[in-house]
Amino acid sequence: MMRLRLFAARAAMVAAVAAGIAGVAAAQSGDLQGGGLMQGGASSGSGSATINLGFPAGPASMGAPQAIASERVFDFGTVIGGKPVAHVFKIRNDGTAPLVIGAVITSCGCTAAKPTKATVAPGDMSEIATSLDTTSEHGPTTRTITVATNDPKAQSIVLTLKGDIRQPVDAEPAEVAFGVVKHGTEAARQVAIIPLVQDPDFKVESARNENRDIKVALAPRPHGQQGAILTVTLLKSMPAGGFADMVKVATSREPINVSVFGEVRGDLTLKPVQVSFGVVEHRQPAQQYARLVNTGPRTVKVVGIASTNRNVVASVQPITPGKEYKITLQLQPNSPDGALRGMLAIKTDDPNQPTINLPFYGIVGSFKG
């Protein structure tokens, strides 16, 4: 009889414990369904959505983490390229629940070490060491580090490294822009080649370019300063139109490239310099016009015109013979749908501008892609 009573008491105790566990599980299930963060989805309420970053949400009574970055932007100023720029960002937890630091994503050329603490207790701090490779960078530079956290108000924190990276040898200015130069005019620009790292043996060895209508020369800087003065001369022989070149300067340290560009404008000019047909309805023809104007002292004849696109034909009509011409561009009917591009080559008897190109473009019918 005594054994039967002990067995019954034990059975009742087990049943009570099981009921308690079931109740706790039901309550937790209710919490998750009512206000918890469900995996792979978003909680909804009042028409708003919360992005799931993979961090579990605890009950409100447990408090919440608060991620504070003591420094979101680090300006490293002006540095000489070649050596990495290093900085340590700190993230503090000012909340009342543990702060979890998840993925750390960096932009190109920047690296970041793992946080010193992936879980940060309230009042504690974690550090993220970052490094920026300056070897191939030049000029103002900005790189970002994006940090994911379980702080509901700061699920991602963007940290920034920025500054000006200069190579050991600099060119001032970094490029030569001639702008618009009248045909037959000679123009020159100067560039200072300057070492940014003290080196008593530094020398500028040579300068070369490819365009035969641009001449380059080196001379010492004044007052015995290190480096050289690069003179870039646009010769009278440069034909009308846009031009571009690259001057490659060899030094005893790092080589440096100086880009050169501009436009030579002759007596013959097009108005406009390119023609747009806009959007043309399916299978419909279209017309556009341009003018060729001669501002020079001698008369000029248009001796021919050709189109690189068979769907566009062109004709020339003199307005003032030798001085101004009307150019008509005709888009043929039944041209195929899609992007329309091409070039008119206008032939003249001007020895300085024997060919003038007129680009044209547009869209025929519906166009996708």
Protein backbone atom coordinates (compact mmCIF):
# COMPACT_ATOMS: atom_id res chain seq x y z
CA MET A 1 0.00 0.00 0.00
CA MET A 2 2.81 2.43 0.85
CA ARG A 3 4.52 1.67 -2.47
CA LEU A 4 1.30 2.43 -4.35
CA ARG A 5 1.00 5.81 -2.61
CA LEU A 6 4.62 6.78 -3.46
CA PHE A 7 4.10 5.78 -7.09
CA ALA A 8 0.92 7.91 -7.34
CA ALA A 9 2.68 10.95 -5.82
CA ARG A 10 5.55 10.67 -8.23
CA ALA A 11 3.15 10.38 -11.18
CA ALA A 12 1.31 13.52 -10.10
CA MET A 13 4.59 15.45 -9.79
CA VAL A 14 5.69 14.39 -13.31
CA ALA A 15 2.32 15.46 -14.71
CA ALA A 16 2.59 18.87 -13.04
CA VAL A 17 6.09 19.45 -14.42
CA ALA A 18 4.97 18.43 -17.92
CA ALA A 19 2.03 20.81 -17.73
CA GLY A 20 4.33 23.64 -16.67
CA ILE A 21 6.72 23.02 -19.54
CA ALA A 22 3.82 22.91 -21.99
CA GLY A 23 2.56 26.21 -20.67
CA VAL A 24 5.93 27.90 -21.06
CA ALA A 25 6.29 26.54 -24.60
CA ALA A 26 2.82 27.79 -25.49
CA ALA A 27 3.61 31.23 -24.10
CA GLN A 28 6.87 31.39 -26.04
CA SER A 29 5.08 30.26 -29.19
CA GLY A 30 2.49 32.97 -28.67
CA ASP A 31 5.21 35.59 -28.19
CA LEU A 32 6.89 34.57 -31.42
CA GLN A 33 3.67 34.58 -33.39
CA GLY A 34 2.46 37.83 -31.89
CA GLY A 35 5.52 40.07 -31.78
CA GLY A 36 8.66 38.04 -32.42
CA LEU A 37 10.84 38.17 -35.55
CA MET A 38 10.10 35.23 -37.81
CA GLN A 39 12.95 33.74 -39.84
CA GLY A 40 12.89 34.64 -43.56
CA GLY A 41 10.00 37.07 -43.23
CA ALA A 42 8.98 40.45 -41.84
CA SER A 43 6.74 41.30 -38.92
CA SER A 44 3.69 43.32 -39.88
CA GLY A 45 1.56 45.79 -38.06
CA SER A 46 0.08 49.20 -38.85
CA GLY A 47 0.99 48.59 -42.49
CA SER A 48 4.77 48.73 -41.91
CA ALA A 49 7.46 46.08 -42.38
CA THR A 50 10.67 45.36 -40.49
CA ILE A 51 13.64 43.93 -42.39
CA ASN A 52 14.94 40.66 -40.91
CA LEU A 53 18.74 40.78 -40.55
CA GLY A 54 18.87 37.36 -38.93
CA PHE A 55 19.06 38.57 -35.32
CA PRO A 56 16.44 37.19 -32.87
CA ALA A 57 14.28 39.68 -31.04
CA GLY A 58 13.90 39.23 -27.29
CA PRO A 59 10.89 40.23 -25.18
CA ALA A 60 10.50 43.96 -24.60
CA SER A 61 10.99 43.38 -20.87
CA MET A 62 14.58 42.30 -21.56
CA GLY A 63 15.48 45.74 -22.99
CA ALA A 64 17.20 46.52 -26.30
CA PRO A 65 20.76 47.09 -27.51
CA GLN A 66 21.87 50.55 -28.68
CA ALA A 67 24.85 50.71 -31.08
CA ILE A 68 26.83 53.96 -30.89
CA ALA A 69 29.77 54.61 -33.21
CA SER A 70 31.98 57.16 -31.50
CA GLU A 71 33.38 58.18 -34.92
CA ARG A 72 31.53 57.48 -38.14
CA VAL A 73 33.90 59.40 -40.48
CA PHE A 74 37.69 59.32 -40.27
CA ASP A 75 39.42 61.97 -42.41
CA PHE A 76 43.03 60.93 -42.85
CA GLY A 77 43.94 64.20 -44.61
CA THR A 78 46.59 64.18 -47.36
CA VAL A 79 48.90 61.17 -47.57
CA ILE A 80 51.51 59.89 -49.99
CA GLY A 81 50.38 56.78 -51.86
CA GLY A 82 52.10 53.45 -51.32
CA LYS A 83 51.51 52.86 -47.61
CA PRO A 84 48.13 51.68 -46.26
CA VAL A 85 45.99 54.00 -44.14
CA ALA A 86 44.90 52.24 -40.96
CA HIS A 87 42.22 53.24 -38.46
CA VAL A 88 40.25 51.57 -35.66
CA PHE A 89 36.52 52.32 -35.37
CA LYS A 90 34.80 51.75 -32.03
CA ILE A 91 31.20 50.71 -31.47
CA ARG A 92 29.75 51.02 -27.95
CA ASN A 93 26.60 49.42 -26.59
CA ASP A 94 24.59 52.05 -24.71
CA GLY A 95 21.53 49.81 -24.49
CA THR A 96 20.18 47.43 -21.89
CA ALA A 97 20.55 44.17 -23.84
CA PRO A 98 23.54 42.50 -25.55
CA LEU A 99 24.57 44.06 -28.87
CA VAL A 100 25.38 41.55 -31.63
CA ILE A 101 27.69 42.69 -34.46
CA GLY A 102 27.12 40.67 -37.62
CA ALA A 103 28.49 41.05 -41.15
CA VAL A 104 31.11 43.72 -41.89
CA ILE A 105 31.18 44.70 -45.59
CA THR A 106 33.81 47.02 -47.13
CA SER A 107 33.98 48.85 -50.45
CA CYS A 108 36.72 48.17 -53.02
CA GLY A 109 40.30 48.72 -51.89
CA CYS A 110 39.38 48.67 -48.20
CA THR A 111 39.64 45.82 -45.69
CA ALA A 112 38.30 45.37 -42.15
CA ALA A 113 39.26 42.91 -39.43
CA LYS A 114 36.64 41.00 -37.48
CA PRO A 115 35.19 42.93 -34.54
CA THR A 116 37.13 42.33 -31.34
CA LYS A 117 33.80 41.36 -29.77
CA ALA A 118 30.91 39.92 -31.76
CA THR A 119 28.61 40.21 -28.73
CA VAL A 120 28.93 43.41 -26.72
CA ALA A 121 27.47 43.62 -23.23
CA PRO A 122 25.65 46.81 -22.14
CA GLY A 123 28.24 49.51 -21.41
CA ASP A 124 31.00 47.61 -23.21
CA MET A 125 32.73 48.33 -26.55
CA SER A 126 33.95 46.49 -29.68
CA GLU A 127 36.65 47.63 -32.12
CA ILE A 128 36.90 47.17 -35.90
CA ALA A 129 40.36 47.68 -37.41
CA THR A 130 40.28 48.95 -41.01
CA SER A 131 42.92 49.47 -43.68
CA LEU A 132 42.90 51.31 -47.04
CA ASP A 133 45.33 50.39 -49.82
CA THR A 134 46.71 53.63 -51.32
CA THR A 135 49.01 52.07 -53.93
CA SER A 136 46.82 52.76 -56.96
CA GLU A 137 44.71 55.62 -55.57
CA HIS A 138 45.14 59.25 -56.59
CA GLY A 139 43.21 62.31 -55.52
CA PRO A 140 40.19 62.63 -53.19
CA THR A 141 39.20 59.14 -52.00
CA THR A 142 36.26 57.80 -49.99
CA ARG A 143 35.72 54.21 -48.82
CA THR A 144 32.97 52.78 -46.62
CA ILE A 145 32.57 49.95 -44.09
CA THR A 146 28.99 48.77 -43.46
CA VAL A 147 28.37 47.00 -40.15
CA ALA A 148 25.20 44.97 -39.42
CA THR A 149 23.89 44.92 -35.84
CA ASN A 150 20.85 43.71 -33.91
CA ASP A 151 20.03 47.25 -32.78
CA PRO A 152 16.47 47.74 -34.12
CA LYS A 153 17.20 51.44 -34.65
CA ALA A 154 20.62 50.93 -36.28
CA GLN A 155 20.51 47.66 -38.21
CA SER A 156 23.37 48.89 -40.38
CA ILE A 157 26.05 51.43 -39.49
CA VAL A 158 28.14 53.03 -42.26
CA LEU A 159 31.69 53.98 -41.31
CA THR A 160 33.76 56.11 -43.71
CA LEU A 161 37.44 56.59 -44.50
CA LYS A 162 38.20 59.65 -46.61
CA GLY A 163 41.12 61.83 -47.59
CA ASP A 164 43.42 62.95 -50.41
CA ILE A 165 45.96 60.46 -51.73
CA ARG A 166 48.90 61.85 -53.67
CA GLN A 167 51.54 59.81 -55.42
CA PRO A 168 55.26 60.33 -54.63
CA VAL A 169 55.53 62.40 -57.82
CA ASP A 170 52.82 64.91 -58.65
CA ALA A 171 51.83 66.95 -61.69
CA GLU A 172 50.34 70.41 -61.20
CA PRO A 173 47.94 70.66 -62.94
CA ALA A 174 47.18 66.96 -63.32
CA GLU A 175 45.86 67.44 -66.87
CA VAL A 176 46.25 69.91 -69.72
CA ALA A 177 42.97 71.31 -71.08
CA PHE A 178 43.46 73.54 -74.14
CA GLY A 179 39.75 74.26 -74.50
CA VAL A 180 38.78 75.60 -77.93
CA VAL A 181 41.65 76.78 -80.13
CA LYS A 182 41.24 78.35 -83.57
CA HIS A 183 42.69 76.29 -86.39
CA GLY A 184 46.18 77.37 -87.41
CA THR A 185 46.94 78.81 -83.96
CA GLU A 186 49.80 77.61 -81.79
CA ALA A 187 49.14 77.32 -78.04
CA ALA A 188 51.23 76.15 -75.08
CA ARG A 189 50.56 75.05 -71.50
CA GLN A 190 52.97 74.28 -68.65
CA VAL A 191 52.90 71.58 -65.97
CA ALA A 192 55.14 71.38 -62.88
CA ILE A 193 56.50 67.91 -62.13
CA ILE A 194 57.12 67.90 -58.38
CA PRO A 195 58.45 65.21 -55.98
CA LEU A 196 56.35 64.98 -52.83
CA VAL A 197 58.94 62.91 -50.98
CA GLN A 198 62.30 64.50 -50.19
CA ASP A 199 64.98 62.83 -52.31
CA PRO A 200 68.19 64.69 -53.20
CA ASP A 201 68.78 62.31 -56.12
CA PHE A 202 65.34 62.80 -57.67
CA LYS A 203 65.39 63.46 -61.43
CA VAL A 204 62.84 63.87 -64.20
CA GLU A 205 64.31 61.75 -66.94
CA SER A 206 62.11 62.08 -70.04
CA ALA A 207 58.72 62.97 -71.46
CA ARG A 208 57.10 61.46 -74.54
CA ASN A 209 53.75 61.46 -76.30
CA GLU A 210 52.17 59.96 -79.44
CA ASN A 211 50.36 62.83 -81.22
CA ARG A 212 52.67 64.37 -83.84
CA ASP A 213 50.78 67.67 -83.66
CA ILE A 214 51.65 68.07 -79.96
CA LYS A 215 55.20 68.80 -78.85
CA VAL A 216 56.54 68.23 -75.32
CA ALA A 217 59.71 69.58 -73.69
CA LEU A 218 61.29 69.52 -70.21
CA ALA A 219 63.15 72.33 -68.43
CA PRO A 220 64.44 72.80 -64.84
CA ARG A 221 62.21 74.41 -62.26
CA PRO A 222 63.26 77.93 -61.17
CA HIS A 223 65.42 78.73 -58.14
CA GLY A 224 66.96 75.27 -58.05
CA GLN A 225 63.73 73.58 -56.98
CA GLN A 226 63.50 69.85 -57.50
CA GLY A 227 61.48 68.54 -60.42
CA ALA A 228 60.92 69.98 -63.87
CA ILE A 229 58.63 72.16 -65.96
CA LEU A 230 56.83 70.27 -68.70
CA THR A 231 55.80 72.46 -71.66
CA VAL A 232 53.04 71.03 -73.89
CA THR A 233 52.70 72.86 -77.22
CA LEU A 234 49.75 72.48 -79.59
CA LEU A 235 51.17 72.97 -83.10
CA LYS A 236 49.52 74.85 -85.96
CA SER A 237 49.33 71.60 -87.91
CA MET A 238 46.68 70.10 -85.60
CA PRO A 239 43.60 69.43 -87.78
CA ALA A 240 40.18 70.75 -86.87
CA GLY A 241 38.16 68.67 -84.42
CA GLY A 242 38.61 67.22 -80.97
CA PHE A 243 41.97 65.81 -79.91
CA ALA A 244 43.41 63.88 -76.98
CA ASP A 245 46.89 62.73 -76.04
CA MET A 246 48.84 61.33 -73.09
CA VAL A 247 52.26 62.59 -71.98
CA LYS A 248 54.24 59.91 -70.15
CA VAL A 249 56.86 61.36 -67.82
CA ALA A 250 59.62 59.07 -66.54
CA THR A 251 61.34 59.94 -63.26
CA SER A 252 63.90 58.36 -60.95
CA ARG A 253 60.98 57.43 -58.67
CA GLU A 254 57.44 56.87 -59.93
CA PRO A 255 56.34 57.52 -63.56
CA ILE A 256 53.47 59.94 -64.04
CA ASN A 257 50.96 60.47 -66.86
CA VAL A 258 49.53 63.83 -67.90
CA SER A 259 46.41 63.79 -70.11
CA VAL A 260 46.04 66.42 -72.84
CA PHE A 261 42.81 67.29 -74.63
CA GLY A 262 40.91 70.07 -76.39
CA GLU A 263 39.27 71.11 -79.65
CA VAL A 264 40.60 72.84 -82.71
CA ARG A 265 37.89 74.86 -84.40
CA GLY A 266 38.27 75.68 -88.05
CA ASP A 267 36.48 78.13 -90.33
CA LEU A 268 33.78 75.54 -91.01
CA THR A 269 31.36 74.81 -88.17
CA LEU A 270 28.20 72.73 -87.86
CA LYS A 271 25.08 73.96 -86.10
CA PRO A 272 24.08 71.80 -84.27
CA VAL A 273 27.15 69.63 -83.83
CA GLN A 274 24.93 66.50 -83.69
CA VAL A 275 21.37 65.72 -84.79
CA SER A 276 18.67 63.89 -82.83
CA PHE A 277 15.61 62.38 -84.53
CA GLY A 278 14.04 61.78 -81.12
CA VAL A 279 11.45 58.96 -81.03
CA VAL A 280 9.99 58.17 -84.46
CA GLU A 281 6.77 56.17 -84.86
CA HIS A 282 6.96 52.69 -86.31
CA ARG A 283 7.58 52.70 -90.10
CA GLN A 284 7.24 56.49 -90.31
CA PRO A 285 9.71 58.83 -92.06
CA ALA A 286 11.34 61.81 -90.32
CA GLN A 287 13.41 64.85 -91.25
CA GLN A 288 16.01 66.92 -89.45
CA TYR A 289 18.25 69.79 -90.50
CA ALA A 290 21.70 71.22 -89.83
CA ARG A 291 23.75 74.15 -91.15
CA LEU A 292 27.35 74.27 -92.29
CA VAL A 293 28.70 77.78 -91.78
CA ASN A 294 31.96 79.15 -93.21
CA THR A 295 33.45 82.01 -91.19
CA GLY A 296 36.74 82.10 -93.12
CA PRO A 297 37.81 84.62 -95.79
CA ARG A 298 37.65 82.22 -98.74
CA THR A 299 34.61 80.47 -100.19
CA VAL A 300 34.20 76.74 -99.62
CA LYS A 301 32.28 74.19 -101.66
CA VAL A 302 30.61 71.02 -100.40
CA VAL A 303 31.69 68.36 -102.89
CA GLY A 304 30.00 65.31 -101.37
CA ILE A 305 28.08 63.80 -98.48
CA ALA A 306 27.77 60.20 -97.29
CA SER A 307 25.93 58.41 -94.46
CA THR A 308 27.19 55.43 -92.49
CA ASN A 309 23.57 54.30 -91.92
CA ARG A 310 21.62 53.23 -95.03
CA ASN A 311 18.31 54.22 -93.37
CA VAL A 312 19.35 57.89 -93.32
CA VAL A 313 20.09 59.78 -96.53
CA ALA A 314 21.27 63.38 -96.72
CA SER A 315 21.33 66.24 -99.18
CA VAL A 316 23.01 69.66 -99.29
CA GLN A 317 21.48 72.91 -100.45
CA PRO A 318 23.42 76.23 -100.60
CA ILE A 319 21.90 79.12 -98.67
CA THR A 320 24.72 81.52 -99.41
CA PRO A 321 27.03 79.77 -101.90
CA GLY A 322 30.50 79.28 -100.46
CA LYS A 323 29.46 80.57 -97.04
CA GLU A 324 26.45 78.66 -95.71
CA TYR A 325 24.78 75.36 -96.56
CA LYS A 326 21.59 73.65 -95.44
CA ILE A 327 21.93 69.92 -94.73
CA THR A 328 18.79 67.78 -94.76
CA LEU A 329 18.78 64.40 -93.04
CA GLN A 330 15.96 62.10 -94.15
CA LEU A 331 15.02 58.98 -92.19
CA GLN A 332 13.57 56.51 -94.68
CA PRO A 333 10.10 55.04 -94.10
CA ASN A 334 9.94 51.39 -92.99
CA SER A 335 13.23 51.72 -91.10
CA PRO A 336 13.62 48.90 -88.56
CA ASP A 337 12.59 49.51 -84.96
CA GLY A 338 15.33 50.08 -82.42
CA ALA A 339 18.20 52.44 -81.74
CA LEU A 340 19.22 54.65 -84.65
CA ARG A 341 22.86 55.77 -84.87
CA GLY A 342 25.17 56.94 -87.59
CA MET A 343 27.44 59.64 -89.01
CA LEU A 344 27.37 61.98 -91.97
CA ALA A 345 30.73 62.61 -93.65
CA ILE A 346 30.55 66.02 -95.34
CA LYS A 347 33.31 66.48 -97.97
CA THR A 348 34.56 69.99 -98.80
CA ASP A 349 37.30 71.60 -100.90
CA ASP A 350 38.81 73.25 -97.82
CA PRO A 351 42.36 71.82 -97.47
CA ASN A 352 42.23 72.34 -93.69
CA GLN A 353 38.84 70.66 -93.22
CA PRO A 354 38.35 68.23 -96.09
CA THR A 355 35.88 66.13 -94.06
CA ILE A 356 33.46 67.25 -91.33
CA ASN A 357 31.53 64.60 -89.41
CA LEU A 358 27.96 65.07 -88.21
CA PRO A 359 26.69 62.37 -85.77
CA PHE A 360 22.98 61.52 -85.66
CA TYR A 361 20.89 59.29 -83.41
CA GLY A 362 17.31 58.46 -82.37
CA ILE A 363 14.83 55.66 -81.62
CA VAL A 364 12.45 54.13 -84.16
CA GLY A 365 9.22 52.58 -82.88
CA SER A 366 9.38 50.72 -79.57
CA PHE A 367 12.81 49.95 -78.22
CA LYS A 368 13.78 47.67 -75.37
CA GLY A 369 17.29 47.16 -74.07
